[in-house]
Amino acid sequence: MGASRRSPILPRPTRAVHALLVAGSLLAVPTARAGAQNVADRSTPRGTIAVRGTVTGTDIVRAAREYLGVRYKWGGNTPRAFDCSGFTRWVFARYGIDLPRTAHEQAALGTGPFPGDLRPGDLLFFYGGRGAQHIAIYVGADTIIHASSTGHRVKLDVIRQHGSNRNWFRNRLIAVRRIVPMQGTFYIPGATTASAPPRSVALDEAPRTFRLAPTVY
């Protein structure tokens, strides 16, 4: 599970998430940077040039696969070790998209697709006793990639949609959020003296429907 185990049970979004919904910008979420160096800065490859473009689910999945095998650690938010929400945050930061830190907060972002409409790059949230306690990235073909506390590493797992009542992921899926496609930043090889890339992308560049409540499955 991710760092969200420290999040309290709330009947409505936290003040930080409420500020996000009102302002329409991740820059309005103070908890996204509290007590830590900005993850987008740390995940930026050295010696690259920042180019703006549309980030797709395929881009997100491609970046996520690069971390297969990285060990799991509760509270981990770098490639040395990840927890579930630290992993998703780092992957999106690869494209200048700055997510909040916990699964609880990330569940308030993006759009809520229709039930069953899963696409690569979607964020899937799973119930763990206190709301959204685990998060994964949908790869396609009923497959997710996530930092697994039971598998002790970043790994692929299958959500069996049919023929199994014992699949943990299928039984506990409670919400799906879609953040991409949206404008982000790509990094291409270039001079090391290139200007620093933008630190984050405001979600007001995404469709306004991101203010919808999470889709509950």
N, C-alpha and C. Protein backbone atom coordinates (compact mmCIF):
# COMPACT_ATOMS: atom_id res chain seq x y z
N MET A 1 0.83 -1.19 0.00
CA MET A 1 0.00 0.00 0.00
C MET A 1 0.88 1.25 0.00
N GLY A 2 0.30 2.37 -0.36
CA GLY A 2 1.10 3.58 -0.44
C GLY A 2 1.01 4.41 0.80
N ALA A 3 1.57 5.63 0.72
CA ALA A 3 1.63 6.51 1.86
C ALA A 3 0.27 6.96 2.31
N SER A 4 -0.79 6.60 1.56
CA SER A 4 -2.13 7.04 1.90
C SER A 4 -2.65 6.43 3.19
N ARG A 5 -1.94 5.46 3.76
CA ARG A 5 -2.41 4.87 5.00
C ARG A 5 -2.42 5.88 6.14
N ARG A 6 -1.71 7.00 5.97
CA ARG A 6 -1.71 8.03 6.99
C ARG A 6 -2.87 9.01 6.82
N SER A 7 -3.57 8.93 5.70
CA SER A 7 -4.65 9.86 5.43
C SER A 7 -5.86 9.50 6.25
N PRO A 8 -6.53 10.47 6.89
CA PRO A 8 -7.73 10.18 7.67
C PRO A 8 -8.91 9.90 6.77
N ILE A 9 -9.96 9.30 7.34
CA ILE A 9 -11.20 9.10 6.60
C ILE A 9 -11.96 10.40 6.61
N LEU A 10 -12.24 10.92 5.44
CA LEU A 10 -12.94 12.20 5.36
C LEU A 10 -14.21 12.05 4.55
N PRO A 11 -15.31 12.68 4.95
CA PRO A 11 -16.55 12.60 4.18
C PRO A 11 -16.52 13.46 2.94
N ARG A 12 -15.54 14.33 2.85
CA ARG A 12 -15.39 15.20 1.69
C ARG A 12 -13.90 15.46 1.47
N PRO A 13 -13.50 16.04 0.32
CA PRO A 13 -12.08 16.23 0.06
C PRO A 13 -11.43 17.07 1.16
N THR A 14 -10.11 16.84 1.37
CA THR A 14 -9.36 17.66 2.30
C THR A 14 -9.32 19.09 1.81
N ARG A 15 -8.88 20.01 2.68
CA ARG A 15 -8.80 21.41 2.26
C ARG A 15 -7.87 21.59 1.07
N ALA A 16 -6.77 20.80 1.08
CA ALA A 16 -5.83 20.92 -0.04
C ALA A 16 -6.48 20.51 -1.35
N VAL A 17 -7.22 19.39 -1.33
CA VAL A 17 -7.88 18.93 -2.55
C VAL A 17 -9.01 19.87 -2.93
N HIS A 18 -9.70 20.44 -1.94
CA HIS A 18 -10.75 21.41 -2.24
C HIS A 18 -10.16 22.62 -2.96
N ALA A 19 -8.99 23.06 -2.52
CA ALA A 19 -8.33 24.17 -3.19
C ALA A 19 -8.01 23.83 -4.63
N LEU A 20 -7.61 22.56 -4.84
CA LEU A 20 -7.35 22.09 -6.20
C LEU A 20 -8.59 22.18 -7.07
N LEU A 21 -9.74 21.72 -6.55
CA LEU A 21 -10.96 21.69 -7.33
C LEU A 21 -11.44 23.10 -7.65
N VAL A 22 -11.23 24.05 -6.74
CA VAL A 22 -11.68 25.42 -6.97
C VAL A 22 -10.77 26.14 -7.94
N ALA A 23 -9.45 25.98 -7.73
CA ALA A 23 -8.50 26.72 -8.55
C ALA A 23 -8.22 26.05 -9.87
N GLY A 24 -8.48 24.73 -9.96
CA GLY A 24 -8.22 24.02 -11.21
C GLY A 24 -6.75 23.88 -11.51
N SER A 25 -5.90 23.87 -10.49
CA SER A 25 -4.47 23.82 -10.72
C SER A 25 -3.79 23.01 -9.63
N LEU A 26 -2.86 22.15 -10.03
CA LEU A 26 -2.11 21.40 -9.04
C LEU A 26 -1.22 22.30 -8.21
N LEU A 27 -0.92 23.49 -8.72
CA LEU A 27 -0.10 24.41 -7.96
C LEU A 27 -0.82 24.89 -6.71
N ALA A 28 -2.12 24.64 -6.62
CA ALA A 28 -2.90 25.07 -5.46
C ALA A 28 -2.89 24.04 -4.35
N VAL A 29 -2.18 22.91 -4.54
CA VAL A 29 -2.17 21.85 -3.54
C VAL A 29 -0.88 21.90 -2.75
N PRO A 30 -0.85 22.49 -1.56
CA PRO A 30 0.38 22.61 -0.80
C PRO A 30 0.95 21.27 -0.39
N THR A 31 0.11 20.24 -0.17
CA THR A 31 0.61 18.96 0.28
C THR A 31 1.40 18.25 -0.81
N ALA A 32 1.34 18.71 -2.04
CA ALA A 32 2.07 18.07 -3.11
C ALA A 32 3.57 18.29 -2.98
N ARG A 33 4.00 19.33 -2.23
CA ARG A 33 5.41 19.63 -2.10
C ARG A 33 5.88 19.70 -0.65
N ALA A 34 4.97 19.52 0.30
CA ALA A 34 5.31 19.72 1.69
C ALA A 34 6.45 18.81 2.12
N GLY A 35 7.52 19.43 2.64
CA GLY A 35 8.61 18.69 3.24
C GLY A 35 9.46 17.89 2.28
N ALA A 36 9.38 18.14 0.99
CA ALA A 36 10.17 17.37 0.03
C ALA A 36 10.53 18.22 -1.17
N GLN A 37 11.66 17.89 -1.81
CA GLN A 37 12.06 18.54 -3.05
C GLN A 37 11.07 18.18 -4.13
N ASN A 38 10.78 19.13 -5.02
CA ASN A 38 9.78 18.88 -6.07
C ASN A 38 10.17 17.68 -6.90
N VAL A 39 9.25 16.71 -6.99
CA VAL A 39 9.55 15.46 -7.67
C VAL A 39 9.78 15.66 -9.15
N ALA A 40 9.12 16.66 -9.75
CA ALA A 40 9.33 16.90 -11.18
C ALA A 40 10.76 17.31 -11.46
N ASP A 41 11.36 18.10 -10.56
CA ASP A 41 12.76 18.49 -10.72
C ASP A 41 13.67 17.28 -10.63
N ARG A 42 13.41 16.40 -9.67
CA ARG A 42 14.29 15.25 -9.45
C ARG A 42 14.18 14.23 -10.57
N SER A 43 13.02 14.15 -11.23
CA SER A 43 12.84 13.14 -12.27
C SER A 43 13.24 13.63 -13.65
N THR A 44 13.69 14.88 -13.76
CA THR A 44 14.08 15.45 -15.05
C THR A 44 15.45 14.92 -15.46
N PRO A 45 15.57 14.28 -16.62
CA PRO A 45 16.87 13.78 -17.07
C PRO A 45 17.85 14.92 -17.30
N ARG A 46 19.08 14.72 -16.91
CA ARG A 46 20.11 15.74 -17.13
C ARG A 46 20.50 15.79 -18.60
N GLY A 47 20.95 16.97 -19.02
CA GLY A 47 21.41 17.13 -20.39
C GLY A 47 20.32 17.01 -21.42
N THR A 48 19.10 17.44 -21.07
CA THR A 48 17.98 17.36 -22.00
C THR A 48 17.36 18.73 -22.23
N ILE A 49 16.58 18.82 -23.28
CA ILE A 49 15.83 20.03 -23.61
C ILE A 49 14.35 19.72 -23.45
N ALA A 50 13.63 20.63 -22.80
CA ALA A 50 12.19 20.44 -22.58
C ALA A 50 11.40 20.88 -23.80
N VAL A 51 10.50 20.01 -24.25
CA VAL A 51 9.63 20.31 -25.39
C VAL A 51 8.19 20.04 -24.98
N ARG A 52 7.33 21.01 -25.18
CA ARG A 52 5.93 20.85 -24.83
C ARG A 52 5.20 19.98 -25.85
N GLY A 53 4.27 19.17 -25.37
CA GLY A 53 3.51 18.33 -26.26
C GLY A 53 2.39 17.63 -25.51
N THR A 54 1.60 16.84 -26.21
CA THR A 54 0.49 16.12 -25.61
C THR A 54 0.96 14.78 -25.06
N VAL A 55 0.79 14.59 -23.77
CA VAL A 55 1.17 13.35 -23.11
C VAL A 55 -0.02 12.39 -23.19
N THR A 56 0.22 11.18 -23.67
CA THR A 56 -0.84 10.19 -23.81
C THR A 56 -0.66 9.06 -22.79
N GLY A 57 -1.66 8.20 -22.71
CA GLY A 57 -1.56 7.05 -21.83
C GLY A 57 -0.42 6.13 -22.22
N THR A 58 -0.15 6.03 -23.51
CA THR A 58 0.96 5.20 -23.97
C THR A 58 2.28 5.72 -23.44
N ASP A 59 2.44 7.04 -23.41
CA ASP A 59 3.66 7.63 -22.85
C ASP A 59 3.81 7.28 -21.37
N ILE A 60 2.70 7.37 -20.63
CA ILE A 60 2.74 7.08 -19.20
C ILE A 60 3.13 5.62 -18.97
N VAL A 61 2.54 4.70 -19.71
CA VAL A 61 2.84 3.28 -19.55
C VAL A 61 4.29 3.00 -19.91
N ARG A 62 4.79 3.64 -20.97
CA ARG A 62 6.17 3.43 -21.39
C ARG A 62 7.14 3.84 -20.28
N ALA A 63 6.88 4.99 -19.67
CA ALA A 63 7.74 5.44 -18.58
C ALA A 63 7.63 4.52 -17.37
N ALA A 64 6.41 4.09 -17.06
CA ALA A 64 6.20 3.23 -15.89
C ALA A 64 6.96 1.92 -16.01
N ARG A 65 7.00 1.35 -17.20
CA ARG A 65 7.67 0.07 -17.40
C ARG A 65 9.17 0.15 -17.13
N GLU A 66 9.74 1.33 -17.22
CA GLU A 66 11.17 1.48 -16.97
C GLU A 66 11.54 1.16 -15.53
N TYR A 67 10.55 1.15 -14.64
CA TYR A 67 10.84 0.94 -13.22
C TYR A 67 10.43 -0.45 -12.72
N LEU A 68 10.10 -1.34 -13.63
CA LEU A 68 9.79 -2.71 -13.22
C LEU A 68 10.96 -3.29 -12.42
N GLY A 69 10.64 -3.86 -11.28
CA GLY A 69 11.68 -4.45 -10.45
C GLY A 69 12.20 -3.56 -9.35
N VAL A 70 11.91 -2.25 -9.41
CA VAL A 70 12.34 -1.36 -8.33
C VAL A 70 11.66 -1.80 -7.05
N ARG A 71 12.40 -1.84 -5.95
CA ARG A 71 11.85 -2.39 -4.71
C ARG A 71 10.77 -1.50 -4.12
N TYR A 72 9.89 -2.14 -3.37
CA TYR A 72 8.82 -1.43 -2.67
C TYR A 72 9.31 -1.00 -1.29
N LYS A 73 8.95 0.21 -0.90
CA LYS A 73 9.19 0.69 0.46
C LYS A 73 8.11 1.69 0.81
N TRP A 74 7.44 1.49 1.94
CA TRP A 74 6.40 2.43 2.34
C TRP A 74 7.01 3.81 2.52
N GLY A 75 6.42 4.82 1.85
CA GLY A 75 6.95 6.17 1.89
C GLY A 75 7.96 6.45 0.79
N GLY A 76 8.36 5.42 0.02
CA GLY A 76 9.35 5.61 -1.04
C GLY A 76 8.79 6.42 -2.20
N ASN A 77 9.55 7.40 -2.67
CA ASN A 77 9.08 8.24 -3.78
C ASN A 77 10.16 8.58 -4.78
N THR A 78 11.20 7.72 -4.86
CA THR A 78 12.24 7.86 -5.87
C THR A 78 12.54 6.47 -6.43
N PRO A 79 13.28 6.39 -7.55
CA PRO A 79 13.60 5.08 -8.13
C PRO A 79 14.44 4.19 -7.23
N ARG A 80 14.94 4.69 -6.11
CA ARG A 80 15.61 3.81 -5.16
C ARG A 80 14.60 2.89 -4.47
N ALA A 81 13.37 3.39 -4.29
CA ALA A 81 12.27 2.60 -3.71
C ALA A 81 10.99 3.40 -3.85
N PHE A 82 9.90 2.71 -4.13
CA PHE A 82 8.59 3.36 -4.31
C PHE A 82 7.55 2.73 -3.40
N ASP A 83 6.58 3.55 -2.97
CA ASP A 83 5.31 2.98 -2.56
C ASP A 83 4.33 3.26 -3.69
N CYS A 84 3.07 2.89 -3.54
CA CYS A 84 2.17 2.93 -4.70
C CYS A 84 1.95 4.34 -5.23
N SER A 85 1.67 5.29 -4.36
CA SER A 85 1.41 6.65 -4.83
C SER A 85 2.69 7.39 -5.18
N GLY A 86 3.79 7.04 -4.51
CA GLY A 86 5.08 7.62 -4.89
C GLY A 86 5.48 7.22 -6.29
N PHE A 87 5.13 5.98 -6.66
CA PHE A 87 5.42 5.49 -8.00
C PHE A 87 4.63 6.25 -9.06
N THR A 88 3.32 6.36 -8.88
CA THR A 88 2.51 7.05 -9.88
C THR A 88 2.91 8.52 -9.98
N ARG A 89 3.20 9.13 -8.86
CA ARG A 89 3.60 10.54 -8.87
C ARG A 89 4.89 10.74 -9.66
N TRP A 90 5.84 9.85 -9.45
CA TRP A 90 7.13 9.96 -10.15
C TRP A 90 6.96 9.77 -11.65
N VAL A 91 6.15 8.79 -12.04
CA VAL A 91 5.95 8.51 -13.47
C VAL A 91 5.33 9.72 -14.18
N PHE A 92 4.30 10.31 -13.59
CA PHE A 92 3.67 11.47 -14.22
C PHE A 92 4.61 12.68 -14.22
N ALA A 93 5.44 12.78 -13.19
CA ALA A 93 6.39 13.89 -13.13
C ALA A 93 7.42 13.81 -14.25
N ARG A 94 7.63 12.62 -14.80
CA ARG A 94 8.53 12.48 -15.94
C ARG A 94 8.11 13.36 -17.11
N TYR A 95 6.82 13.70 -17.14
CA TYR A 95 6.29 14.55 -18.21
C TYR A 95 5.84 15.90 -17.67
N GLY A 96 6.37 16.30 -16.52
CA GLY A 96 6.05 17.61 -15.97
C GLY A 96 4.68 17.72 -15.35
N ILE A 97 4.01 16.59 -15.11
CA ILE A 97 2.68 16.59 -14.51
C ILE A 97 2.83 16.28 -13.03
N ASP A 98 2.58 17.25 -12.19
CA ASP A 98 2.85 17.15 -10.77
C ASP A 98 1.59 16.71 -10.01
N LEU A 99 1.56 15.46 -9.55
CA LEU A 99 0.43 14.93 -8.79
C LEU A 99 0.64 15.14 -7.29
N PRO A 100 -0.45 15.17 -6.52
CA PRO A 100 -0.31 15.17 -5.06
C PRO A 100 0.35 13.88 -4.59
N ARG A 101 0.68 13.81 -3.31
CA ARG A 101 1.50 12.70 -2.81
C ARG A 101 0.71 11.41 -2.55
N THR A 102 -0.51 11.50 -2.04
CA THR A 102 -1.18 10.28 -1.58
C THR A 102 -2.24 9.79 -2.56
N ALA A 103 -2.60 8.52 -2.45
CA ALA A 103 -3.66 7.95 -3.28
C ALA A 103 -4.98 8.65 -3.00
N HIS A 104 -5.21 9.01 -1.75
CA HIS A 104 -6.44 9.71 -1.37
C HIS A 104 -6.58 11.01 -2.15
N GLU A 105 -5.49 11.77 -2.28
CA GLU A 105 -5.53 13.04 -3.01
C GLU A 105 -5.57 12.83 -4.51
N GLN A 106 -4.82 11.86 -5.00
CA GLN A 106 -4.80 11.61 -6.44
C GLN A 106 -6.16 11.16 -6.96
N ALA A 107 -6.97 10.56 -6.10
CA ALA A 107 -8.29 10.09 -6.51
C ALA A 107 -9.23 11.24 -6.82
N ALA A 108 -8.87 12.48 -6.46
CA ALA A 108 -9.72 13.63 -6.72
C ALA A 108 -9.41 14.28 -8.07
N LEU A 109 -8.43 13.77 -8.80
CA LEU A 109 -8.00 14.40 -10.04
C LEU A 109 -8.64 13.75 -11.26
N GLY A 110 -8.47 14.39 -12.41
CA GLY A 110 -8.86 13.81 -13.69
C GLY A 110 -10.35 13.67 -13.90
N THR A 111 -10.70 12.90 -14.92
CA THR A 111 -12.10 12.64 -15.24
C THR A 111 -12.48 11.24 -14.80
N GLY A 112 -13.77 11.02 -14.63
CA GLY A 112 -14.27 9.70 -14.27
C GLY A 112 -14.87 9.03 -15.49
N PRO A 113 -14.17 8.07 -16.12
CA PRO A 113 -14.71 7.40 -17.31
C PRO A 113 -15.89 6.50 -16.95
N PHE A 114 -16.63 6.10 -17.98
CA PHE A 114 -17.75 5.18 -17.76
C PHE A 114 -17.22 3.84 -17.25
N PRO A 115 -17.98 3.15 -16.41
CA PRO A 115 -17.55 1.84 -15.92
C PRO A 115 -17.19 0.89 -17.06
N GLY A 116 -16.03 0.27 -16.92
CA GLY A 116 -15.56 -0.66 -17.93
C GLY A 116 -14.73 -0.02 -19.03
N ASP A 117 -14.72 1.32 -19.10
CA ASP A 117 -13.95 2.02 -20.12
C ASP A 117 -12.55 2.32 -19.59
N LEU A 118 -11.70 1.30 -19.62
CA LEU A 118 -10.33 1.44 -19.14
C LEU A 118 -9.39 1.66 -20.32
N ARG A 119 -8.47 2.62 -20.14
CA ARG A 119 -7.50 2.92 -21.19
C ARG A 119 -6.11 3.00 -20.58
N PRO A 120 -5.06 2.69 -21.37
CA PRO A 120 -3.70 2.78 -20.85
C PRO A 120 -3.43 4.17 -20.26
N GLY A 121 -2.78 4.18 -19.11
CA GLY A 121 -2.47 5.43 -18.43
C GLY A 121 -3.48 5.83 -17.37
N ASP A 122 -4.66 5.18 -17.35
CA ASP A 122 -5.65 5.47 -16.31
C ASP A 122 -5.10 5.10 -14.94
N LEU A 123 -5.54 5.85 -13.92
CA LEU A 123 -5.19 5.52 -12.54
C LEU A 123 -6.32 4.71 -11.93
N LEU A 124 -6.00 3.55 -11.37
CA LEU A 124 -6.99 2.68 -10.75
C LEU A 124 -6.78 2.69 -9.24
N PHE A 125 -7.87 2.85 -8.51
CA PHE A 125 -7.81 2.96 -7.06
C PHE A 125 -8.52 1.77 -6.42
N PHE A 126 -7.92 1.24 -5.36
CA PHE A 126 -8.40 0.03 -4.73
C PHE A 126 -8.67 0.27 -3.25
N TYR A 127 -9.75 -0.33 -2.78
CA TYR A 127 -10.17 -0.17 -1.39
C TYR A 127 -9.31 -1.03 -0.47
N GLY A 128 -8.88 -0.43 0.64
CA GLY A 128 -8.05 -1.16 1.57
C GLY A 128 -8.51 -1.05 3.00
N GLY A 129 -9.77 -0.71 3.23
CA GLY A 129 -10.29 -0.59 4.57
C GLY A 129 -10.55 0.84 5.00
N ARG A 130 -9.88 1.79 4.34
CA ARG A 130 -10.06 3.20 4.67
C ARG A 130 -10.10 4.02 3.38
N GLY A 131 -10.99 3.68 2.50
CA GLY A 131 -11.09 4.41 1.23
C GLY A 131 -10.04 3.94 0.25
N ALA A 132 -9.62 4.86 -0.64
CA ALA A 132 -8.62 4.54 -1.67
C ALA A 132 -7.26 4.38 -1.00
N GLN A 133 -6.83 3.15 -0.85
CA GLN A 133 -5.58 2.86 -0.14
C GLN A 133 -4.48 2.34 -1.05
N HIS A 134 -4.82 1.99 -2.29
CA HIS A 134 -3.80 1.50 -3.21
C HIS A 134 -4.12 2.05 -4.60
N ILE A 135 -3.06 2.27 -5.37
CA ILE A 135 -3.22 2.89 -6.68
C ILE A 135 -2.30 2.19 -7.68
N ALA A 136 -2.78 2.07 -8.92
CA ALA A 136 -2.01 1.43 -9.98
C ALA A 136 -2.27 2.15 -11.29
N ILE A 137 -1.43 1.89 -12.27
CA ILE A 137 -1.58 2.45 -13.61
C ILE A 137 -2.04 1.33 -14.53
N TYR A 138 -3.11 1.60 -15.29
CA TYR A 138 -3.62 0.59 -16.22
C TYR A 138 -2.73 0.52 -17.45
N VAL A 139 -2.32 -0.70 -17.82
CA VAL A 139 -1.44 -0.93 -18.95
C VAL A 139 -2.23 -1.29 -20.20
N GLY A 140 -3.31 -2.06 -20.02
CA GLY A 140 -4.09 -2.59 -21.13
C GLY A 140 -4.25 -4.08 -20.95
N ALA A 141 -5.23 -4.68 -21.65
CA ALA A 141 -5.46 -6.12 -21.60
C ALA A 141 -5.61 -6.61 -20.17
N ASP A 142 -6.40 -5.90 -19.35
CA ASP A 142 -6.68 -6.26 -17.96
C ASP A 142 -5.42 -6.31 -17.10
N THR A 143 -4.40 -5.55 -17.47
CA THR A 143 -3.13 -5.57 -16.75
C THR A 143 -2.83 -4.21 -16.14
N ILE A 144 -2.27 -4.23 -14.93
CA ILE A 144 -1.86 -3.01 -14.26
C ILE A 144 -0.37 -3.09 -13.92
N ILE A 145 0.23 -1.92 -13.70
CA ILE A 145 1.59 -1.84 -13.18
C ILE A 145 1.52 -1.00 -11.92
N HIS A 146 2.19 -1.47 -10.87
CA HIS A 146 2.09 -0.78 -9.59
C HIS A 146 3.25 -1.18 -8.68
N ALA A 147 3.47 -0.35 -7.64
CA ALA A 147 4.43 -0.70 -6.60
C ALA A 147 3.69 -1.55 -5.58
N SER A 148 3.99 -2.82 -5.56
CA SER A 148 3.25 -3.80 -4.78
C SER A 148 3.90 -4.05 -3.42
N SER A 149 3.12 -3.87 -2.36
CA SER A 149 3.64 -4.14 -1.02
C SER A 149 3.79 -5.64 -0.78
N THR A 150 2.91 -6.44 -1.38
CA THR A 150 3.01 -7.89 -1.21
C THR A 150 4.07 -8.49 -2.13
N GLY A 151 4.25 -7.90 -3.31
CA GLY A 151 5.28 -8.37 -4.24
C GLY A 151 6.64 -7.76 -3.98
N HIS A 152 6.68 -6.72 -3.13
CA HIS A 152 7.93 -6.08 -2.70
C HIS A 152 8.68 -5.41 -3.84
N ARG A 153 7.95 -5.03 -4.89
CA ARG A 153 8.63 -4.39 -6.03
C ARG A 153 7.58 -3.80 -6.97
N VAL A 154 8.04 -3.03 -7.94
CA VAL A 154 7.16 -2.58 -9.02
C VAL A 154 6.95 -3.76 -9.96
N LYS A 155 5.69 -4.09 -10.23
CA LYS A 155 5.42 -5.30 -11.01
C LYS A 155 4.12 -5.16 -11.78
N LEU A 156 3.90 -6.09 -12.69
CA LEU A 156 2.66 -6.19 -13.44
C LEU A 156 1.74 -7.19 -12.75
N ASP A 157 0.45 -6.91 -12.77
CA ASP A 157 -0.55 -7.84 -12.27
C ASP A 157 -1.76 -7.81 -13.18
N VAL A 158 -2.58 -8.86 -13.11
CA VAL A 158 -3.75 -8.98 -13.97
C VAL A 158 -5.02 -8.79 -13.15
N ILE A 159 -5.94 -7.99 -13.68
CA ILE A 159 -7.27 -7.88 -13.11
C ILE A 159 -8.17 -8.82 -13.89
N ARG A 160 -8.60 -9.88 -13.26
CA ARG A 160 -9.47 -10.84 -13.96
C ARG A 160 -10.90 -10.34 -13.90
N GLN A 161 -11.41 -9.90 -15.04
CA GLN A 161 -12.76 -9.35 -15.08
C GLN A 161 -13.83 -10.42 -15.09
N HIS A 162 -13.47 -11.63 -15.49
CA HIS A 162 -14.47 -12.69 -15.59
C HIS A 162 -13.89 -14.00 -15.06
N GLY A 163 -14.75 -14.80 -14.49
CA GLY A 163 -14.38 -16.15 -14.12
C GLY A 163 -13.60 -16.30 -12.84
N SER A 164 -13.46 -15.22 -12.05
CA SER A 164 -12.74 -15.35 -10.79
C SER A 164 -13.33 -14.42 -9.75
N ASN A 165 -13.72 -14.99 -8.62
CA ASN A 165 -14.24 -14.18 -7.52
C ASN A 165 -13.18 -13.93 -6.46
N ARG A 166 -11.97 -14.44 -6.70
CA ARG A 166 -10.92 -14.32 -5.71
C ARG A 166 -9.84 -13.32 -6.10
N ASN A 167 -10.02 -12.62 -7.20
CA ASN A 167 -9.02 -11.66 -7.63
C ASN A 167 -9.09 -10.42 -6.75
N TRP A 168 -8.03 -10.14 -6.02
CA TRP A 168 -8.00 -9.03 -5.07
C TRP A 168 -8.29 -7.71 -5.77
N PHE A 169 -7.68 -7.48 -6.91
CA PHE A 169 -7.83 -6.21 -7.61
C PHE A 169 -9.25 -6.01 -8.12
N ARG A 170 -9.81 -7.05 -8.72
CA ARG A 170 -11.17 -6.93 -9.24
C ARG A 170 -12.17 -6.66 -8.12
N ASN A 171 -12.01 -7.32 -7.02
CA ASN A 171 -12.96 -7.18 -5.92
C ASN A 171 -12.85 -5.84 -5.20
N ARG A 172 -11.70 -5.19 -5.28
CA ARG A 172 -11.47 -3.97 -4.50
C ARG A 172 -11.36 -2.70 -5.34
N LEU A 173 -11.53 -2.80 -6.65
CA LEU A 173 -11.49 -1.61 -7.49
C LEU A 173 -12.67 -0.71 -7.17
N ILE A 174 -12.40 0.53 -6.76
CA ILE A 174 -13.48 1.44 -6.38
C ILE A 174 -13.54 2.69 -7.24
N ALA A 175 -12.47 3.04 -7.96
CA ALA A 175 -12.52 4.26 -8.77
C ALA A 175 -11.47 4.21 -9.86
N VAL A 176 -11.77 4.90 -10.95
CA VAL A 176 -10.83 5.07 -12.06
C VAL A 176 -10.77 6.55 -12.38
N ARG A 177 -9.57 7.09 -12.53
CA ARG A 177 -9.41 8.49 -12.88
C ARG A 177 -8.54 8.60 -14.12
N ARG A 178 -8.94 9.47 -15.04
CA ARG A 178 -8.21 9.66 -16.30
C ARG A 178 -7.63 11.07 -16.34
N ILE A 179 -6.33 11.17 -16.36
CA ILE A 179 -5.64 12.47 -16.37
C ILE A 179 -5.11 12.81 -17.75
N VAL A 180 -4.64 11.82 -18.47
CA VAL A 180 -4.13 12.04 -19.83
C VAL A 180 -5.15 11.52 -20.85
N PRO A 181 -5.13 12.11 -22.07
CA PRO A 181 -4.13 13.03 -22.61
C PRO A 181 -4.27 14.46 -22.07
N MET A 182 -3.12 15.13 -21.94
CA MET A 182 -3.07 16.53 -21.56
C MET A 182 -1.70 17.08 -21.94
N GLN A 183 -1.58 18.37 -21.93
CA GLN A 183 -0.32 18.99 -22.27
C GLN A 183 0.71 18.73 -21.18
N GLY A 184 1.91 18.35 -21.60
CA GLY A 184 3.00 18.09 -20.66
C GLY A 184 4.33 18.43 -21.29
N THR A 185 5.37 17.85 -20.76
CA THR A 185 6.73 18.17 -21.19
C THR A 185 7.47 16.89 -21.54
N PHE A 186 8.09 16.87 -22.71
CA PHE A 186 8.96 15.78 -23.12
C PHE A 186 10.39 16.28 -23.06
N TYR A 187 11.32 15.38 -22.76
CA TYR A 187 12.72 15.76 -22.64
C TYR A 187 13.53 15.02 -23.70
N ILE A 188 14.21 15.78 -24.54
CA ILE A 188 15.01 15.20 -25.61
C ILE A 188 16.47 15.54 -25.36
N PRO A 189 17.41 14.69 -25.84
CA PRO A 189 18.83 14.97 -25.62
C PRO A 189 19.21 16.34 -26.17
N GLY A 190 20.03 17.05 -25.41
CA GLY A 190 20.45 18.38 -25.83
C GLY A 190 21.60 18.86 -24.99
N ALA A 191 21.90 20.13 -25.11
CA ALA A 191 23.01 20.71 -24.36
C ALA A 191 22.68 20.73 -22.88
N THR A 192 23.69 20.49 -22.05
CA THR A 192 23.48 20.49 -20.61
C THR A 192 23.19 21.88 -20.08
N THR A 193 23.40 22.89 -20.89
CA THR A 193 23.15 24.26 -20.45
C THR A 193 21.74 24.71 -20.79
N ALA A 194 20.92 23.79 -21.28
CA ALA A 194 19.56 24.16 -21.64
C ALA A 194 18.81 24.69 -20.42
N SER A 195 17.88 25.58 -20.66
CA SER A 195 17.12 26.16 -19.57
C SER A 195 16.31 25.09 -18.86
N ALA A 196 16.04 25.31 -17.58
CA ALA A 196 15.32 24.33 -16.77
C ALA A 196 13.91 24.16 -17.28
N PRO A 197 13.38 22.93 -17.28
CA PRO A 197 12.01 22.69 -17.74
C PRO A 197 11.01 23.20 -16.72
N PRO A 198 9.77 23.40 -17.14
CA PRO A 198 8.75 23.81 -16.17
C PRO A 198 8.58 22.77 -15.10
N ARG A 199 8.25 23.21 -13.89
CA ARG A 199 8.19 22.31 -12.75
C ARG A 199 6.93 21.46 -12.75
N SER A 200 5.85 21.97 -13.31
CA SER A 200 4.61 21.21 -13.29
C SER A 200 3.68 21.71 -14.36
N VAL A 201 2.62 20.94 -14.58
CA VAL A 201 1.59 21.31 -15.55
C VAL A 201 0.30 21.52 -14.79
N ALA A 202 -0.36 22.65 -15.01
CA ALA A 202 -1.63 22.91 -14.34
C ALA A 202 -2.73 22.07 -14.94
N LEU A 203 -3.56 21.52 -14.09
CA LEU A 203 -4.64 20.68 -14.60
C LEU A 203 -5.74 21.48 -15.28
N ASP A 204 -5.65 22.83 -15.23
CA ASP A 204 -6.65 23.58 -15.97
C ASP A 204 -6.40 23.50 -17.46
N GLU A 205 -5.29 22.85 -17.87
CA GLU A 205 -5.06 22.59 -19.29
C GLU A 205 -5.80 21.33 -19.72
N ALA A 206 -6.29 20.57 -18.76
CA ALA A 206 -7.06 19.37 -19.06
C ALA A 206 -8.53 19.75 -19.22
N PRO A 207 -9.36 18.85 -19.73
CA PRO A 207 -10.79 19.16 -19.87
C PRO A 207 -11.41 19.56 -18.55
N ARG A 208 -12.35 20.47 -18.60
CA ARG A 208 -12.97 20.96 -17.38
C ARG A 208 -13.72 19.89 -16.61
N THR A 209 -14.01 18.77 -17.26
CA THR A 209 -14.75 17.71 -16.58
C THR A 209 -13.91 17.03 -15.51
N PHE A 210 -12.66 17.46 -15.32
CA PHE A 210 -11.86 16.86 -14.27
C PHE A 210 -12.46 17.15 -12.90
N ARG A 211 -13.40 18.08 -12.82
CA ARG A 211 -14.00 18.41 -11.54
C ARG A 211 -15.10 17.43 -11.14
N LEU A 212 -15.40 16.47 -11.97
CA LEU A 212 -16.41 15.48 -11.63
C LEU A 212 -15.93 14.60 -10.49
N ALA A 213 -16.84 14.07 -9.72
CA ALA A 213 -16.48 13.16 -8.64
C ALA A 213 -15.96 11.85 -9.22
N PRO A 214 -15.14 11.10 -8.44
CA PRO A 214 -14.61 9.83 -8.94
C PRO A 214 -15.72 8.87 -9.34
N THR A 215 -15.44 8.08 -10.36
CA THR A 215 -16.36 7.01 -10.73
C THR A 215 -16.19 5.86 -9.76
N VAL A 216 -17.25 5.44 -9.12
CA VAL A 216 -17.17 4.34 -8.16
C VAL A 216 -17.65 3.07 -8.83
N TYR A 217 -16.87 2.01 -8.74
CA TYR A 217 -17.19 0.73 -9.38
C TYR A 217 -17.77 -0.23 -8.37
